[in-house]
Amino acid sequence: MARTKESVIKTRIKNILKEFQCYFFMPPANGYGRAGIPDFVGCLNGMFFSIEAKAGKGKTTALQEKELQKIRDAGGFAIVVNEDNIHNLKDLMTTWSKQEWTYSP
């Protein structure tokens, strides 16, 4: 079975997240989860993040945008990553891995 471009982007994202030893998971997209949830949900050094993977000229749906905005509104970080900006993800993870966050329950 041929790999789609989006699957290639997802593999590259997974490799970056693993490189930085992020906690992350990929919510199932099989109809049992909530629609619009990003492809990756995770945490690095106290920063909650979500990533929606797209390839080519792929655009987020209105529902995906709504979910990404809910995450931002709650103080998390939500981005869309494609082949044109994936290099920024590694830069972001580098910054977060060095950041000292203050956590007070």
PDB file of N, CA and C in Angstrom:
ATOM      1  N   MET A   1       0.839  -1.174   0.000  1.00  0.00           N
ATOM      2  CA  MET A   1       0.000   0.000   0.000  1.00  0.00           C
ATOM      3  C   MET A   1       0.888   1.242   0.000  1.00  0.00           C
ATOM      4  N   ALA A   2       0.619   2.153  -0.894  1.00  0.00           N
ATOM      5  CA  ALA A   2       1.419   3.379  -0.997  1.00  0.00           C
ATOM      6  C   ALA A   2       1.111   4.313   0.167  1.00  0.00           C
ATOM      7  N   ARG A   3       2.155   4.970   0.623  1.00  0.00           N
ATOM      8  CA  ARG A   3       1.976   5.931   1.717  1.00  0.00           C
ATOM      9  C   ARG A   3       1.505   7.257   1.150  1.00  0.00           C
ATOM     10  N   THR A   4       0.557   7.846   1.800  1.00  0.00           N
ATOM     11  CA  THR A   4       0.098   9.162   1.375  1.00  0.00           C
ATOM     12  C   THR A   4       1.084  10.211   1.861  1.00  0.00           C
ATOM     13  N   LYS A   5       1.023  11.371   1.269  1.00  0.00           N
ATOM     14  CA  LYS A   5       1.904  12.446   1.700  1.00  0.00           C
ATOM     15  C   LYS A   5       1.653  12.789   3.163  1.00  0.00           C
ATOM     16  N   GLU A   6       0.401  12.777   3.580  1.00  0.00           N
ATOM     17  CA  GLU A   6       0.117  13.112   4.969  1.00  0.00           C
ATOM     18  C   GLU A   6       0.728  12.087   5.914  1.00  0.00           C
ATOM     19  N   SER A   7       0.744  10.841   5.525  1.00  0.00           N
ATOM     20  CA  SER A   7       1.356   9.831   6.391  1.00  0.00           C
ATOM     21  C   SER A   7       2.861  10.073   6.517  1.00  0.00           C
ATOM     22  N   VAL A   8       3.484  10.579   5.472  1.00  0.00           N
ATOM     23  CA  VAL A   8       4.906  10.913   5.530  1.00  0.00           C
ATOM     24  C   VAL A   8       5.129  12.055   6.511  1.00  0.00           C
ATOM     25  N   ILE A   9       4.272  13.060   6.469  1.00  0.00           N
ATOM     26  CA  ILE A   9       4.365  14.191   7.404  1.00  0.00           C
ATOM     27  C   ILE A   9       4.175  13.690   8.835  1.00  0.00           C
ATOM     28  N   LYS A  10       3.200  12.822   9.057  1.00  0.00           N
ATOM     29  CA  LYS A  10       2.957  12.279  10.398  1.00  0.00           C
ATOM     30  C   LYS A  10       4.165  11.495  10.907  1.00  0.00           C
ATOM     31  N   THR A  11       4.793  10.743  10.035  1.00  0.00           N
ATOM     32  CA  THR A  11       5.988   9.994  10.440  1.00  0.00           C
ATOM     33  C   THR A  11       7.114  10.949  10.821  1.00  0.00           C
ATOM     34  N   ARG A  12       7.295  12.001  10.056  1.00  0.00           N
ATOM     35  CA  ARG A  12       8.337  12.985  10.377  1.00  0.00           C
ATOM     36  C   ARG A  12       8.040  13.680  11.704  1.00  0.00           C
ATOM     37  N   ILE A  13       6.768  13.990  11.949  1.00  0.00           N
ATOM     38  CA  ILE A  13       6.377  14.609  13.226  1.00  0.00           C
ATOM     39  C   ILE A  13       6.670  13.640  14.370  1.00  0.00           C
ATOM     40  N   LYS A  14       6.271  12.384  14.224  1.00  0.00           N
ATOM     41  CA  LYS A  14       6.528  11.377  15.261  1.00  0.00           C
ATOM     42  C   LYS A  14       8.016  11.280  15.579  1.00  0.00           C
ATOM     43  N   ASN A  15       8.843  11.283  14.545  1.00  0.00           N
ATOM     44  CA  ASN A  15      10.286  11.190  14.752  1.00  0.00           C
ATOM     45  C   ASN A  15      10.830  12.380  15.534  1.00  0.00           C
ATOM     46  N   ILE A  16      10.325  13.567  15.250  1.00  0.00           N
ATOM     47  CA  ILE A  16      10.759  14.764  15.995  1.00  0.00           C
ATOM     48  C   ILE A  16      10.316  14.655  17.448  1.00  0.00           C
ATOM     49  N   LEU A  17       9.068  14.273  17.671  1.00  0.00           N
ATOM     50  CA  LEU A  17       8.562  14.162  19.037  1.00  0.00           C
ATOM     51  C   LEU A  17       9.327  13.104  19.831  1.00  0.00           C
ATOM     52  N   LYS A  18       9.645  12.001  19.189  1.00  0.00           N
ATOM     53  CA  LYS A  18      10.434  10.952  19.853  1.00  0.00           C
ATOM     54  C   LYS A  18      11.852  11.441  20.159  1.00  0.00           C
ATOM     55  N   GLU A  19      12.424  12.198  19.241  1.00  0.00           N
ATOM     56  CA  GLU A  19      13.772  12.734  19.447  1.00  0.00           C
ATOM     57  C   GLU A  19      13.840  13.573  20.722  1.00  0.00           C
ATOM     58  N   PHE A  20      12.762  14.326  20.985  1.00  0.00           N
ATOM     59  CA  PHE A  20      12.729  15.182  22.169  1.00  0.00           C
ATOM     60  C   PHE A  20      12.096  14.488  23.377  1.00  0.00           C
ATOM     61  N   GLN A  21      11.809  13.199  23.247  1.00  0.00           N
ATOM     62  CA  GLN A  21      11.228  12.396  24.316  1.00  0.00           C
ATOM     63  C   GLN A  21       9.950  13.018  24.875  1.00  0.00           C
ATOM     64  N   CYS A  22       9.132  13.514  23.967  1.00  0.00           N
ATOM     65  CA  CYS A  22       7.843  14.088  24.338  1.00  0.00           C
ATOM     66  C   CYS A  22       6.886  12.975  24.742  1.00  0.00           C
ATOM     67  N   TYR A  23       5.984  13.307  25.642  1.00  0.00           N
ATOM     68  CA  TYR A  23       4.819  12.446  25.854  1.00  0.00           C
ATOM     69  C   TYR A  23       3.844  12.847  24.756  1.00  0.00           C
ATOM     70  N   PHE A  24       3.361  11.876  23.990  1.00  0.00           N
ATOM     71  CA  PHE A  24       2.357  12.200  22.977  1.00  0.00           C
ATOM     72  C   PHE A  24       1.564  10.952  22.613  1.00  0.00           C
ATOM     73  N   PHE A  25       0.415  11.189  22.041  1.00  0.00           N
ATOM     74  CA  PHE A  25      -0.392  10.111  21.493  1.00  0.00           C
ATOM     75  C   PHE A  25      -1.147  10.636  20.293  1.00  0.00           C
ATOM     76  N   MET A  26      -1.633   9.710  19.520  1.00  0.00           N
ATOM     77  CA  MET A  26      -2.424  10.042  18.336  1.00  0.00           C
ATOM     78  C   MET A  26      -3.840   9.510  18.563  1.00  0.00           C
ATOM     79  N   PRO A  27      -4.787  10.416  18.815  1.00  0.00           N
ATOM     80  CA  PRO A  27      -6.165   9.957  19.032  1.00  0.00           C
ATOM     81  C   PRO A  27      -6.672   9.174  17.820  1.00  0.00           C
ATOM     82  N   PRO A  28      -7.424   8.125  18.054  1.00  0.00           N
ATOM     83  CA  PRO A  28      -7.913   7.325  16.924  1.00  0.00           C
ATOM     84  C   PRO A  28      -8.876   8.117  16.048  1.00  0.00           C
ATOM     85  N   ALA A  29      -8.735   7.912  14.763  1.00  0.00           N
ATOM     86  CA  ALA A  29      -9.615   8.580  13.803  1.00  0.00           C
ATOM     87  C   ALA A  29     -10.530   7.545  13.158  1.00  0.00           C
ATOM     88  N   ASN A  30     -11.095   6.692  14.009  1.00  0.00           N
ATOM     89  CA  ASN A  30     -11.888   5.573  13.493  1.00  0.00           C
ATOM     90  C   ASN A  30     -13.379   5.701  13.782  1.00  0.00           C
ATOM     91  N   GLY A  31     -13.811   6.879  14.129  1.00  0.00           N
ATOM     92  CA  GLY A  31     -15.225   7.065  14.404  1.00  0.00           C
ATOM     93  C   GLY A  31     -15.605   6.904  15.862  1.00  0.00           C
ATOM     94  N   TYR A  32     -14.679   6.440  16.703  1.00  0.00           N
ATOM     95  CA  TYR A  32     -14.976   6.265  18.118  1.00  0.00           C
ATOM     96  C   TYR A  32     -14.557   7.474  18.956  1.00  0.00           C
ATOM     97  N   GLY A  33     -13.700   8.303  18.420  1.00  0.00           N
ATOM     98  CA  GLY A  33     -13.262   9.496  19.136  1.00  0.00           C
ATOM     99  C   GLY A  33     -14.122  10.691  18.759  1.00  0.00           C
ATOM    100  N   ARG A  34     -13.761  11.841  19.297  1.00  0.00           N
ATOM    101  CA  ARG A  34     -14.481  13.078  18.985  1.00  0.00           C
ATOM    102  C   ARG A  34     -13.955  13.652  17.676  1.00  0.00           C
ATOM    103  N   ALA A  35     -14.831  14.072  16.808  1.00  0.00           N
ATOM    104  CA  ALA A  35     -14.452  14.626  15.510  1.00  0.00           C
ATOM    105  C   ALA A  35     -13.705  15.947  15.686  1.00  0.00           C
ATOM    106  N   GLY A  36     -12.710  16.160  14.840  1.00  0.00           N
ATOM    107  CA  GLY A  36     -11.974  17.416  14.829  1.00  0.00           C
ATOM    108  C   GLY A  36     -10.752  17.458  15.713  1.00  0.00           C
ATOM    109  N   ILE A  37     -10.541  16.416  16.522  1.00  0.00           N
ATOM    110  CA  ILE A  37      -9.389  16.375  17.427  1.00  0.00           C
ATOM    111  C   ILE A  37      -8.112  16.332  16.583  1.00  0.00           C
ATOM    112  N   PRO A  38      -7.063  17.073  16.997  1.00  0.00           N
ATOM    113  CA  PRO A  38      -5.812  17.077  16.228  1.00  0.00           C
ATOM    114  C   PRO A  38      -5.179  15.684  16.146  1.00  0.00           C
ATOM    115  N   ASP A  39      -4.291  15.526  15.185  1.00  0.00           N
ATOM    116  CA  ASP A  39      -3.621  14.243  14.953  1.00  0.00           C
ATOM    117  C   ASP A  39      -2.696  13.840  16.090  1.00  0.00           C
ATOM    118  N   PHE A  40      -2.074  14.824  16.740  1.00  0.00           N
ATOM    119  CA  PHE A  40      -1.156  14.564  17.853  1.00  0.00           C
ATOM    120  C   PHE A  40      -1.554  15.419  19.044  1.00  0.00           C
ATOM    121  N   VAL A  41      -1.499  14.823  20.220  1.00  0.00           N
ATOM    122  CA  VAL A  41      -1.718  15.539  21.472  1.00  0.00           C
ATOM    123  C   VAL A  41      -0.561  15.139  22.376  1.00  0.00           C
ATOM    124  N   GLY A  42       0.071  16.119  23.011  1.00  0.00           N
ATOM    125  CA  GLY A  42       1.217  15.768  23.833  1.00  0.00           C
ATOM    126  C   GLY A  42       1.661  16.851  24.786  1.00  0.00           C
ATOM    127  N   CYS A  43       2.793  16.571  25.422  1.00  0.00           N
ATOM    128  CA  CYS A  43       3.350  17.495  26.393  1.00  0.00           C
ATOM    129  C   CYS A  43       4.871  17.361  26.369  1.00  0.00           C
ATOM    130  N   LEU A  44       5.543  18.491  26.433  1.00  0.00           N
ATOM    131  CA  LEU A  44       6.993  18.512  26.540  1.00  0.00           C
ATOM    132  C   LEU A  44       7.386  19.537  27.585  1.00  0.00           C
ATOM    133  N   ASN A  45       8.036  19.072  28.616  1.00  0.00           N
ATOM    134  CA  ASN A  45       8.564  19.961  29.644  1.00  0.00           C
ATOM    135  C   ASN A  45       7.480  20.895  30.199  1.00  0.00           C
ATOM    136  N   GLY A  46       6.273  20.360  30.352  1.00  0.00           N
ATOM    137  CA  GLY A  46       5.183  21.129  30.932  1.00  0.00           C
ATOM    138  C   GLY A  46       4.316  21.889  29.945  1.00  0.00           C
ATOM    139  N   MET A  47       4.663  21.881  28.673  1.00  0.00           N
ATOM    140  CA  MET A  47       3.866  22.592  27.663  1.00  0.00           C
ATOM    141  C   MET A  47       2.954  21.600  26.956  1.00  0.00           C
ATOM    142  N   PHE A  48       1.647  21.810  27.097  1.00  0.00           N
ATOM    143  CA  PHE A  48       0.654  20.988  26.404  1.00  0.00           C
ATOM    144  C   PHE A  48       0.577  21.466  24.960  1.00  0.00           C
ATOM    145  N   PHE A  49       0.624  20.518  24.024  1.00  0.00           N
ATOM    146  CA  PHE A  49       0.545  20.908  22.621  1.00  0.00           C
ATOM    147  C   PHE A  49      -0.335  19.947  21.839  1.00  0.00           C
ATOM    148  N   SER A  50      -0.778  20.441  20.697  1.00  0.00           N
ATOM    149  CA  SER A  50      -1.497  19.604  19.748  1.00  0.00           C
ATOM    150  C   SER A  50      -1.023  19.979  18.356  1.00  0.00           C
ATOM    151  N   ILE A  51      -1.028  18.987  17.491  1.00  0.00           N
ATOM    152  CA  ILE A  51      -0.553  19.198  16.126  1.00  0.00           C
ATOM    153  C   ILE A  51      -1.530  18.557  15.153  1.00  0.00           C
ATOM    154  N   GLU A  52      -1.945  19.327  14.186  1.00  0.00           N
ATOM    155  CA  GLU A  52      -2.741  18.810  13.081  1.00  0.00           C
ATOM    156  C   GLU A  52      -1.798  18.706  11.888  1.00  0.00           C
ATOM    157  N   ALA A  53      -1.668  17.521  11.323  1.00  0.00           N
ATOM    158  CA  ALA A  53      -0.785  17.292  10.180  1.00  0.00           C
ATOM    159  C   ALA A  53      -1.560  17.454   8.880  1.00  0.00           C
ATOM    160  N   LYS A  54      -0.958  18.158   7.955  1.00  0.00           N
ATOM    161  CA  LYS A  54      -1.543  18.333   6.625  1.00  0.00           C
ATOM    162  C   LYS A  54      -0.441  18.182   5.589  1.00  0.00           C
ATOM    163  N   ALA A  55      -0.805  17.802   4.398  1.00  0.00           N
ATOM    164  CA  ALA A  55       0.162  17.680   3.312  1.00  0.00           C
ATOM    165  C   ALA A  55      -0.315  18.509   2.128  1.00  0.00           C
ATOM    166  N   GLY A  56       0.654  18.973   1.374  1.00  0.00           N
ATOM    167  CA  GLY A  56       0.313  19.733   0.175  1.00  0.00           C
ATOM    168  C   GLY A  56      -0.521  20.953   0.507  1.00  0.00           C
ATOM    169  N   LYS A  57      -1.605  21.101  -0.216  1.00  0.00           N
ATOM    170  CA  LYS A  57      -2.492  22.241  -0.004  1.00  0.00           C
ATOM    171  C   LYS A  57      -3.644  21.895   0.918  1.00  0.00           C
ATOM    172  N   GLY A  58      -3.483  20.819   1.687  1.00  0.00           N
ATOM    173  CA  GLY A  58      -4.521  20.390   2.620  1.00  0.00           C
ATOM    174  C   GLY A  58      -4.856  21.490   3.615  1.00  0.00           C
ATOM    175  N   LYS A  59      -6.106  21.696   3.821  1.00  0.00           N
ATOM    176  CA  LYS A  59      -6.594  22.730   4.732  1.00  0.00           C
ATOM    177  C   LYS A  59      -7.337  22.084   5.891  1.00  0.00           C
ATOM    178  N   THR A  60      -7.290  22.737   7.028  1.00  0.00           N
ATOM    179  CA  THR A  60      -8.066  22.249   8.166  1.00  0.00           C
ATOM    180  C   THR A  60      -9.548  22.504   7.920  1.00  0.00           C
ATOM    181  N   THR A  61     -10.362  21.637   8.495  1.00  0.00           N
ATOM    182  CA  THR A  61     -11.805  21.827   8.405  1.00  0.00           C
ATOM    183  C   THR A  61     -12.229  22.844   9.471  1.00  0.00           C
ATOM    184  N   ALA A  62     -13.434  23.323   9.360  1.00  0.00           N
ATOM    185  CA  ALA A  62     -13.957  24.260  10.361  1.00  0.00           C
ATOM    186  C   ALA A  62     -13.971  23.607  11.744  1.00  0.00           C
ATOM    187  N   LEU A  63     -14.316  22.345  11.807  1.00  0.00           N
ATOM    188  CA  LEU A  63     -14.346  21.628  13.084  1.00  0.00           C
ATOM    189  C   LEU A  63     -12.939  21.483  13.664  1.00  0.00           C
ATOM    190  N   GLN A  64     -11.952  21.198  12.820  1.00  0.00           N
ATOM    191  CA  GLN A  64     -10.569  21.111  13.293  1.00  0.00           C
ATOM    192  C   GLN A  64     -10.099  22.468  13.823  1.00  0.00           C
ATOM    193  N   GLU A  65     -10.418  23.528  13.113  1.00  0.00           N
ATOM    194  CA  GLU A  65     -10.039  24.871  13.563  1.00  0.00           C
ATOM    195  C   GLU A  65     -10.684  25.202  14.911  1.00  0.00           C
ATOM    196  N   LYS A  66     -11.927  24.791  15.068  1.00  0.00           N
ATOM    197  CA  LYS A  66     -12.630  25.030  16.331  1.00  0.00           C
ATOM    198  C   LYS A  66     -11.918  24.316  17.486  1.00  0.00           C
ATOM    199  N   GLU A  67     -11.526  23.060  17.277  1.00  0.00           N
ATOM    200  CA  GLU A  67     -10.824  22.299  18.314  1.00  0.00           C
ATOM    201  C   GLU A  67      -9.453  22.903  18.621  1.00  0.00           C
ATOM    202  N   LEU A  68      -8.719  23.301  17.584  1.00  0.00           N
ATOM    203  CA  LEU A  68      -7.412  23.935  17.793  1.00  0.00           C
ATOM    204  C   LEU A  68      -7.562  25.222  18.599  1.00  0.00           C
ATOM    205  N   GLN A  69      -8.602  25.988  18.305  1.00  0.00           N
ATOM    206  CA  GLN A  69      -8.818  27.237  19.032  1.00  0.00           C
ATOM    207  C   GLN A  69      -9.209  26.975  20.487  1.00  0.00           C
ATOM    208  N   LYS A  70      -9.976  25.933  20.739  1.00  0.00           N
ATOM    209  CA  LYS A  70     -10.327  25.572  22.124  1.00  0.00           C
ATOM    210  C   LYS A  70      -9.063  25.274  22.931  1.00  0.00           C
ATOM    211  N   ILE A  71      -8.120  24.588  22.309  1.00  0.00           N
ATOM    212  CA  ILE A  71      -6.859  24.272  22.981  1.00  0.00           C
ATOM    213  C   ILE A  71      -6.094  25.554  23.276  1.00  0.00           C
ATOM    214  N   ARG A  72      -6.012  26.443  22.299  1.00  0.00           N
ATOM    215  CA  ARG A  72      -5.334  27.737  22.510  1.00  0.00           C
ATOM    216  C   ARG A  72      -6.011  28.531  23.622  1.00  0.00           C
ATOM    217  N   ASP A  73      -7.334  28.544  23.604  1.00  0.00           N
ATOM    218  CA  ASP A  73      -8.083  29.299  24.619  1.00  0.00           C
ATOM    219  C   ASP A  73      -7.840  28.751  26.023  1.00  0.00           C
ATOM    220  N   ALA A  74      -7.539  27.458  26.127  1.00  0.00           N
ATOM    221  CA  ALA A  74      -7.277  26.827  27.420  1.00  0.00           C
ATOM    222  C   ALA A  74      -5.813  26.968  27.851  1.00  0.00           C
ATOM    223  N   GLY A  75      -5.002  27.633  27.020  1.00  0.00           N
ATOM    224  CA  GLY A  75      -3.609  27.859  27.373  1.00  0.00           C
ATOM    225  C   GLY A  75      -2.631  26.882  26.757  1.00  0.00           C
ATOM    226  N   GLY A  76      -3.121  25.986  25.925  1.00  0.00           N
ATOM    227  CA  GLY A  76      -2.251  25.033  25.239  1.00  0.00           C
ATOM    228  C   GLY A  76      -1.745  25.622  23.933  1.00  0.00           C
ATOM    229  N   PHE A  77      -0.899  24.890  23.277  1.00  0.00           N
ATOM    230  CA  PHE A  77      -0.321  25.320  22.010  1.00  0.00           C
ATOM    231  C   PHE A  77      -0.855  24.412  20.920  1.00  0.00           C
ATOM    232  N   ALA A  78      -1.416  24.983  19.869  1.00  0.00           N
ATOM    233  CA  ALA A  78      -2.029  24.205  18.797  1.00  0.00           C
ATOM    234  C   ALA A  78      -1.546  24.734  17.454  1.00  0.00           C
ATOM    235  N   ILE A  79      -0.971  23.835  16.652  1.00  0.00           N
ATOM    236  CA  ILE A  79      -0.445  24.251  15.355  1.00  0.00           C
ATOM    237  C   ILE A  79      -0.826  23.253  14.264  1.00  0.00           C
ATOM    238  N   VAL A  80      -0.711  23.744  13.043  1.00  0.00           N
ATOM    239  CA  VAL A  80      -0.882  22.910  11.863  1.00  0.00           C
ATOM    240  C   VAL A  80       0.504  22.785  11.233  1.00  0.00           C
ATOM    241  N   VAL A  81       0.930  21.547  10.988  1.00  0.00           N
ATOM    242  CA  VAL A  81       2.261  21.301  10.434  1.00  0.00           C
ATOM    243  C   VAL A  81       2.122  20.636   9.070  1.00  0.00           C
ATOM    244  N   ASN A  82       2.888  21.164   8.117  1.00  0.00           N
ATOM    245  CA  ASN A  82       2.958  20.555   6.792  1.00  0.00           C
ATOM    246  C   ASN A  82       4.414  20.522   6.345  1.00  0.00           C
ATOM    247  N   GLU A  83       4.657  20.078   5.120  1.00  0.00           N
ATOM    248  CA  GLU A  83       6.034  19.943   4.668  1.00  0.00           C
ATOM    249  C   GLU A  83       6.760  21.285   4.554  1.00  0.00           C
ATOM    250  N   ASP A  84       6.014  22.376   4.434  1.00  0.00           N
ATOM    251  CA  ASP A  84       6.636  23.696   4.322  1.00  0.00           C
ATOM    252  C   ASP A  84       7.088  24.267   5.661  1.00  0.00           C
ATOM    253  N   ASN A  85       6.479  23.845   6.759  1.00  0.00           N
ATOM    254  CA  ASN A  85       6.830  24.440   8.058  1.00  0.00           C
ATOM    255  C   ASN A  85       7.286  23.422   9.106  1.00  0.00           C
ATOM    256  N   ILE A  86       7.489  22.175   8.720  1.00  0.00           N
ATOM    257  CA  ILE A  86       7.854  21.152   9.696  1.00  0.00           C
ATOM    258  C   ILE A  86       9.180  21.470  10.385  1.00  0.00           C
ATOM    259  N   HIS A  87      10.064  22.187   9.707  1.00  0.00           N
ATOM    260  CA  HIS A  87      11.340  22.562  10.327  1.00  0.00           C
ATOM    261  C   HIS A  87      11.123  23.438  11.560  1.00  0.00           C
ATOM    262  N   ASN A  88      10.038  24.195  11.578  1.00  0.00           N
ATOM    263  CA  ASN A  88       9.730  25.033  12.742  1.00  0.00           C
ATOM    264  C   ASN A  88       9.369  24.200  13.969  1.00  0.00           C
ATOM    265  N   LEU A  89       8.843  22.998  13.753  1.00  0.00           N
ATOM    266  CA  LEU A  89       8.472  22.136  14.870  1.00  0.00           C
ATOM    267  C   LEU A  89       9.706  21.754  15.679  1.00  0.00           C
ATOM    268  N   LYS A  90      10.778  21.412  15.011  1.00  0.00           N
ATOM    269  CA  LYS A  90      12.004  21.040  15.711  1.00  0.00           C
ATOM    270  C   LYS A  90      12.553  22.239  16.490  1.00  0.00           C
ATOM    271  N   ASP A  91      12.493  23.422  15.900  1.00  0.00           N
ATOM    272  CA  ASP A  91      12.929  24.638  16.600  1.00  0.00           C
ATOM    273  C   ASP A  91      12.079  24.880  17.844  1.00  0.00           C
ATOM    274  N   LEU A  92      10.781  24.688  17.716  1.00  0.00           N
ATOM    275  CA  LEU A  92       9.867  24.876  18.836  1.00  0.00           C
ATOM    276  C   LEU A  92      10.160  23.885  19.954  1.00  0.00           C
ATOM    277  N   MET A  93      10.356  22.626  19.605  1.00  0.00           N
ATOM    278  CA  MET A  93      10.663  21.601  20.606  1.00  0.00           C
ATOM    279  C   MET A  93      11.995  21.894  21.298  1.00  0.00           C
ATOM    280  N   THR A  94      12.959  22.402  20.556  1.00  0.00           N
ATOM    281  CA  THR A  94      14.253  22.775  21.147  1.00  0.00           C
ATOM    282  C   THR A  94      14.049  23.862  22.193  1.00  0.00           C
ATOM    283  N   THR A  95      13.263  24.869  21.863  1.00  0.00           N
ATOM    284  CA  THR A  95      12.985  25.967  22.798  1.00  0.00           C
ATOM    285  C   THR A  95      12.267  25.447  24.030  1.00  0.00           C
ATOM    286  N   TRP A  96      11.211  24.641  23.843  1.00  0.00           N
ATOM    287  CA  TRP A  96      10.449  24.130  24.977  1.00  0.00           C
ATOM    288  C   TRP A  96      11.277  23.218  25.860  1.00  0.00           C
ATOM    289  N   SER A  97      12.178  22.461  25.266  1.00  0.00           N
ATOM    290  CA  SER A  97      12.978  21.533  26.066  1.00  0.00           C
ATOM    291  C   SER A  97      13.925  22.275  27.006  1.00  0.00           C
ATOM    292  N   LYS A  98      14.223  23.529  26.690  1.00  0.00           N
ATOM    293  CA  LYS A  98      15.131  24.330  27.522  1.00  0.00           C
ATOM    294  C   LYS A  98      14.385  25.283  28.454  1.00  0.00           C
ATOM    295  N   GLN A  99      13.096  25.435  28.241  1.00  0.00           N
ATOM    296  CA  GLN A  99      12.288  26.382  28.995  1.00  0.00           C
ATOM    297  C   GLN A  99      12.028  25.886  30.411  1.00  0.00           C
ATOM    298  N   GLU A 100      12.033  26.789  31.349  1.00  0.00           N
ATOM    299  CA  GLU A 100      11.667  26.446  32.724  1.00  0.00           C
ATOM    300  C   GLU A 100      10.298  27.036  33.006  1.00  0.00           C
ATOM    301  N   TRP A 101       9.322  26.151  33.183  1.00  0.00           N
ATOM    302  CA  TRP A 101       7.944  26.562  33.439  1.00  0.00           C
ATOM    303  C   TRP A 101       7.707  26.531  34.935  1.00  0.00           C
ATOM    304  N   THR A 102       6.841  27.398  35.372  1.00  0.00           N
ATOM    305  CA  THR A 102       6.443  27.395  36.767  1.00  0.00           C
ATOM    306  C   THR A 102       5.098  26.691  36.868  1.00  0.00           C
ATOM    307  N   TYR A 103       5.048  25.656  37.680  1.00  0.00           N
ATOM    308  CA  TYR A 103       3.810  24.909  37.870  1.00  0.00           C
ATOM    309  C   TYR A 103       3.392  25.029  39.325  1.00  0.00           C
ATOM    310  N   SER A 104       2.188  25.505  39.545  1.00  0.00           N
ATOM    311  CA  SER A 104       1.690  25.583  40.914  1.00  0.00           C
ATOM    312  C   SER A 104       0.251  25.097  40.947  1.00  0.00           C
ATOM    313  N   PRO A 105       0.036  23.879  41.454  1.00  0.00           N
ATOM    314  CA  PRO A 105      -1.316  23.302  41.482  1.00  0.00           C
ATOM    315  C   PRO A 105      -2.250  24.053  42.428  1.00  0.00           C
TER     316      PRO A 105
END
